Amino acid sequence: MIKGSHTIDEGIERIKTECEPGPHIDYFINFIKSSKRGIAIVRGERDLLESE
């Protein structure tokens, strides 16, 4: 969703402009906005190897 040093609000705006509106997008945005623990960062295999 967010790559780089963008904020959650910037990421949500990007989703709204780049994705077709629908119930799944609304659900995802509401999940992000209501999350009290944040959202997970998915790291690629290369990132995992570099962190070891």
PDB file of N, CA and C in Angstrom:
ATOM      1  N   MET A   1       0.812  -1.182   0.000  1.00  0.00           N
ATOM      2  CA  MET A   1       0.000   0.000   0.000  1.00  0.00           C
ATOM      3  C   MET A   1       0.862   1.256   0.000  1.00  0.00           C
ATOM      4  N   ILE A   2       1.780   1.314   0.923  1.00  0.00           N
ATOM      5  CA  ILE A   2       2.601   2.506   1.055  1.00  0.00           C
ATOM      6  C   ILE A   2       4.058   2.118   0.852  1.00  0.00           C
ATOM      7  N   LYS A   3       4.722   2.767  -0.064  1.00  0.00           N
ATOM      8  CA  LYS A   3       6.128   2.479  -0.298  1.00  0.00           C
ATOM      9  C   LYS A   3       6.908   3.760  -0.046  1.00  0.00           C
ATOM     10  N   GLY A   4       7.963   3.644   0.706  1.00  0.00           N
ATOM     11  CA  GLY A   4       8.752   4.825   1.020  1.00  0.00           C
ATOM     12  C   GLY A   4       8.327   5.418   2.347  1.00  0.00           C
ATOM     13  N   SER A   5       8.469   6.711   2.458  1.00  0.00           N
ATOM     14  CA  SER A   5       8.194   7.375   3.733  1.00  0.00           C
ATOM     15  C   SER A   5       6.860   8.116   3.708  1.00  0.00           C
ATOM     16  N   HIS A   6       5.889   7.579   3.016  1.00  0.00           N
ATOM     17  CA  HIS A   6       4.574   8.208   2.955  1.00  0.00           C
ATOM     18  C   HIS A   6       3.800   7.944   4.248  1.00  0.00           C
ATOM     19  N   THR A   7       2.856   8.820   4.533  1.00  0.00           N
ATOM     20  CA  THR A   7       2.018   8.645   5.715  1.00  0.00           C
ATOM     21  C   THR A   7       0.832   7.739   5.386  1.00  0.00           C
ATOM     22  N   ILE A   8       0.137   7.303   6.428  1.00  0.00           N
ATOM     23  CA  ILE A   8      -1.065   6.496   6.237  1.00  0.00           C
ATOM     24  C   ILE A   8      -2.105   7.294   5.445  1.00  0.00           C
ATOM     25  N   ASP A   9      -2.282   8.557   5.778  1.00  0.00           N
ATOM     26  CA  ASP A   9      -3.257   9.384   5.065  1.00  0.00           C
ATOM     27  C   ASP A   9      -2.913   9.504   3.582  1.00  0.00           C
ATOM     28  N   GLU A  10      -1.624   9.662   3.280  1.00  0.00           N
ATOM     29  CA  GLU A  10      -1.208   9.722   1.873  1.00  0.00           C
ATOM     30  C   GLU A  10      -1.467   8.390   1.175  1.00  0.00           C
ATOM     31  N   GLY A  11      -1.235   7.299   1.865  1.00  0.00           N
ATOM     32  CA  GLY A  11      -1.504   5.986   1.298  1.00  0.00           C
ATOM     33  C   GLY A  11      -2.973   5.767   1.023  1.00  0.00           C
ATOM     34  N   ILE A  12      -3.822   6.217   1.938  1.00  0.00           N
ATOM     35  CA  ILE A  12      -5.264   6.088   1.750  1.00  0.00           C
ATOM     36  C   ILE A  12      -5.715   6.923   0.558  1.00  0.00           C
ATOM     37  N   GLU A  13      -5.206   8.124   0.436  1.00  0.00           N
ATOM     38  CA  GLU A  13      -5.550   8.963  -0.714  1.00  0.00           C
ATOM     39  C   GLU A  13      -5.092   8.316  -2.013  1.00  0.00           C
ATOM     40  N   ARG A  14      -3.935   7.686  -1.989  1.00  0.00           N
ATOM     41  CA  ARG A  14      -3.433   6.987  -3.183  1.00  0.00           C
ATOM     42  C   ARG A  14      -4.355   5.825  -3.548  1.00  0.00           C
ATOM     43  N   ILE A  15      -4.809   5.084  -2.560  1.00  0.00           N
ATOM     44  CA  ILE A  15      -5.754   3.987  -2.811  1.00  0.00           C
ATOM     45  C   ILE A  15      -7.021   4.538  -3.450  1.00  0.00           C
ATOM     46  N   LYS A  16      -7.529   5.633  -2.911  1.00  0.00           N
ATOM     47  CA  LYS A  16      -8.776   6.212  -3.422  1.00  0.00           C
ATOM     48  C   LYS A  16      -8.643   6.681  -4.869  1.00  0.00           C
ATOM     49  N   THR A  17      -7.462   7.167  -5.247  1.00  0.00           N
ATOM     50  CA  THR A  17      -7.284   7.670  -6.606  1.00  0.00           C
ATOM     51  C   THR A  17      -6.894   6.576  -7.595  1.00  0.00           C
ATOM     52  N   GLU A  18      -6.212   5.525  -7.130  1.00  0.00           N
ATOM     53  CA  GLU A  18      -5.705   4.507  -8.043  1.00  0.00           C
ATOM     54  C   GLU A  18      -6.568   3.252  -8.127  1.00  0.00           C
ATOM     55  N   CYS A  19      -7.465   3.054  -7.169  1.00  0.00           N
ATOM     56  CA  CYS A  19      -8.276   1.831  -7.151  1.00  0.00           C
ATOM     57  C   CYS A  19      -9.729   2.148  -7.492  1.00  0.00           C
ATOM     58  N   GLU A  20     -10.362   1.197  -8.126  1.00  0.00           N
ATOM     59  CA  GLU A  20     -11.779   1.341  -8.435  1.00  0.00           C
ATOM     60  C   GLU A  20     -12.579   1.214  -7.140  1.00  0.00           C
ATOM     61  N   PRO A  21     -13.483   2.152  -6.869  1.00  0.00           N
ATOM     62  CA  PRO A  21     -14.269   2.085  -5.628  1.00  0.00           C
ATOM     63  C   PRO A  21     -15.099   0.807  -5.550  1.00  0.00           C
ATOM     64  N   GLY A  22     -15.279   0.342  -4.343  1.00  0.00           N
ATOM     65  CA  GLY A  22     -16.093  -0.841  -4.128  1.00  0.00           C
ATOM     66  C   GLY A  22     -16.064  -1.247  -2.674  1.00  0.00           C
ATOM     67  N   PRO A  23     -16.843  -2.260  -2.319  1.00  0.00           N
ATOM     68  CA  PRO A  23     -16.945  -2.656  -0.913  1.00  0.00           C
ATOM     69  C   PRO A  23     -15.631  -3.174  -0.331  1.00  0.00           C
ATOM     70  N   HIS A  24     -14.808  -3.841  -1.130  1.00  0.00           N
ATOM     71  CA  HIS A  24     -13.528  -4.347  -0.615  1.00  0.00           C
ATOM     72  C   HIS A  24     -12.556  -3.204  -0.320  1.00  0.00           C
ATOM     73  N   ILE A  25     -12.543  -2.209  -1.182  1.00  0.00           N
ATOM     74  CA  ILE A  25     -11.684  -1.040  -0.966  1.00  0.00           C
ATOM     75  C   ILE A  25     -12.156  -0.280   0.271  1.00  0.00           C
ATOM     76  N   ASP A  26     -13.464  -0.093   0.401  1.00  0.00           N
ATOM     77  CA  ASP A  26     -14.013   0.588   1.589  1.00  0.00           C
ATOM     78  C   ASP A  26     -13.642  -0.161   2.868  1.00  0.00           C
ATOM     79  N   TYR A  27     -13.774  -1.477   2.829  1.00  0.00           N
ATOM     80  CA  TYR A  27     -13.439  -2.298   3.997  1.00  0.00           C
ATOM     81  C   TYR A  27     -11.959  -2.125   4.361  1.00  0.00           C
ATOM     82  N   PHE A  28     -11.091  -2.179   3.364  1.00  0.00           N
ATOM     83  CA  PHE A  28      -9.649  -2.048   3.592  1.00  0.00           C
ATOM     84  C   PHE A  28      -9.303  -0.681   4.185  1.00  0.00           C
ATOM     85  N   ILE A  29      -9.870   0.365   3.621  1.00  0.00           N
ATOM     86  CA  ILE A  29      -9.618   1.724   4.130  1.00  0.00           C
ATOM     87  C   ILE A  29     -10.124   1.864   5.560  1.00  0.00           C
ATOM     88  N   ASN A  30     -11.310   1.350   5.838  1.00  0.00           N
ATOM     89  CA  ASN A  30     -11.849   1.414   7.205  1.00  0.00           C
ATOM     90  C   ASN A  30     -10.984   0.623   8.179  1.00  0.00           C
ATOM     91  N   PHE A  31     -10.467  -0.521   7.720  1.00  0.00           N
ATOM     92  CA  PHE A  31      -9.570  -1.316   8.556  1.00  0.00           C
ATOM     93  C   PHE A  31      -8.319  -0.517   8.911  1.00  0.00           C
ATOM     94  N   ILE A  32      -7.725   0.114   7.915  1.00  0.00           N
ATOM     95  CA  ILE A  32      -6.506   0.900   8.148  1.00  0.00           C
ATOM     96  C   ILE A  32      -6.792   2.052   9.112  1.00  0.00           C
ATOM     97  N   LYS A  33      -7.878   2.773   8.872  1.00  0.00           N
ATOM     98  CA  LYS A  33      -8.215   3.921   9.717  1.00  0.00           C
ATOM     99  C   LYS A  33      -8.513   3.525  11.158  1.00  0.00           C
ATOM    100  N   SER A  34      -9.115   2.355  11.358  1.00  0.00           N
ATOM    101  CA  SER A  34      -9.516   1.960  12.708  1.00  0.00           C
ATOM    102  C   SER A  34      -8.469   1.124  13.437  1.00  0.00           C
ATOM    103  N   SER A  35      -7.381   0.769  12.764  1.00  0.00           N
ATOM    104  CA  SER A  35      -6.359  -0.064  13.380  1.00  0.00           C
ATOM    105  C   SER A  35      -5.684   0.675  14.534  1.00  0.00           C
ATOM    106  N   LYS A  36      -5.661   0.036  15.674  1.00  0.00           N
ATOM    107  CA  LYS A  36      -4.997   0.625  16.844  1.00  0.00           C
ATOM    108  C   LYS A  36      -3.558   0.131  16.978  1.00  0.00           C
ATOM    109  N   ARG A  37      -3.230  -0.948  16.270  1.00  0.00           N
ATOM    110  CA  ARG A  37      -1.893  -1.538  16.364  1.00  0.00           C
ATOM    111  C   ARG A  37      -1.053  -1.316  15.111  1.00  0.00           C
ATOM    112  N   GLY A  38      -1.585  -0.584  14.139  1.00  0.00           N
ATOM    113  CA  GLY A  38      -0.860  -0.336  12.905  1.00  0.00           C
ATOM    114  C   GLY A  38      -1.114  -1.429  11.884  1.00  0.00           C
ATOM    115  N   ILE A  39      -0.380  -1.357  10.786  1.00  0.00           N
ATOM    116  CA  ILE A  39      -0.492  -2.373   9.747  1.00  0.00           C
ATOM    117  C   ILE A  39       0.880  -2.991   9.520  1.00  0.00           C
ATOM    118  N   ALA A  40       0.888  -4.219   9.052  1.00  0.00           N
ATOM    119  CA  ALA A  40       2.137  -4.958   8.873  1.00  0.00           C
ATOM    120  C   ALA A  40       2.833  -4.547   7.585  1.00  0.00           C
ATOM    121  N   ILE A  41       4.141  -4.656   7.608  1.00  0.00           N
ATOM    122  CA  ILE A  41       4.952  -4.411   6.426  1.00  0.00           C
ATOM    123  C   ILE A  41       5.358  -5.761   5.871  1.00  0.00           C
ATOM    124  N   VAL A  42       5.010  -6.010   4.623  1.00  0.00           N
ATOM    125  CA  VAL A  42       5.414  -7.256   3.980  1.00  0.00           C
ATOM    126  C   VAL A  42       6.779  -7.032   3.372  1.00  0.00           C
ATOM    127  N   ARG A  43       7.698  -7.842   3.779  1.00  0.00           N
ATOM    128  CA  ARG A  43       9.057  -7.702   3.272  1.00  0.00           C
ATOM    129  C   ARG A  43       9.336  -8.801   2.258  1.00  0.00           C
ATOM    130  N   GLY A  44      10.079  -8.437   1.239  1.00  0.00           N
ATOM    131  CA  GLY A  44      10.468  -9.408   0.235  1.00  0.00           C
ATOM    132  C   GLY A  44      11.613 -10.269   0.738  1.00  0.00           C
ATOM    133  N   GLU A  45      11.921 -11.310   0.007  1.00  0.00           N
ATOM    134  CA  GLU A  45      12.999 -12.231   0.392  1.00  0.00           C
ATOM    135  C   GLU A  45      14.325 -11.493   0.515  1.00  0.00           C
ATOM    136  N   ARG A  46      14.585 -10.555  -0.394  1.00  0.00           N
ATOM    137  CA  ARG A  46      15.840  -9.800  -0.362  1.00  0.00           C
ATOM    138  C   ARG A  46      15.954  -9.000   0.940  1.00  0.00           C
ATOM    139  N   ASP A  47      14.868  -8.359   1.361  1.00  0.00           N
ATOM    140  CA  ASP A  47      14.873  -7.584   2.603  1.00  0.00           C
ATOM    141  C   ASP A  47      15.138  -8.480   3.794  1.00  0.00           C
ATOM    142  N   LEU A  48      14.557  -9.672   3.795  1.00  0.00           N
ATOM    143  CA  LEU A  48      14.754 -10.597   4.913  1.00  0.00           C
ATOM    144  C   LEU A  48      16.207 -11.043   4.986  1.00  0.00           C
ATOM    145  N   LEU A  49      16.819 -11.298   3.840  1.00  0.00           N
ATOM    146  CA  LEU A  49      18.220 -11.736   3.826  1.00  0.00           C
ATOM    147  C   LEU A  49      19.146 -10.629   4.294  1.00  0.00           C
ATOM    148  N   GLU A  50      18.835  -9.379   3.929  1.00  0.00           N
ATOM    149  CA  GLU A  50      19.681  -8.256   4.338  1.00  0.00           C
ATOM    150  C   GLU A  50      19.605  -7.983   5.838  1.00  0.00           C
ATOM    151  N   SER A  51      18.476  -8.317   6.474  1.00  0.00           N
ATOM    152  CA  SER A  51      18.323  -8.030   7.883  1.00  0.00           C
ATOM    153  C   SER A  51      18.968  -9.086   8.774  1.00  0.00           C
ATOM    154  N   GLU A  52      19.404 -10.191   8.210  1.00  0.00           N
ATOM    155  CA  GLU A  52      20.019 -11.272   9.025  1.00  0.00           C
ATOM    156  C   GLU A  52      21.463 -10.971   9.336  1.00  0.00           C
TER     157      GLU A  52
END
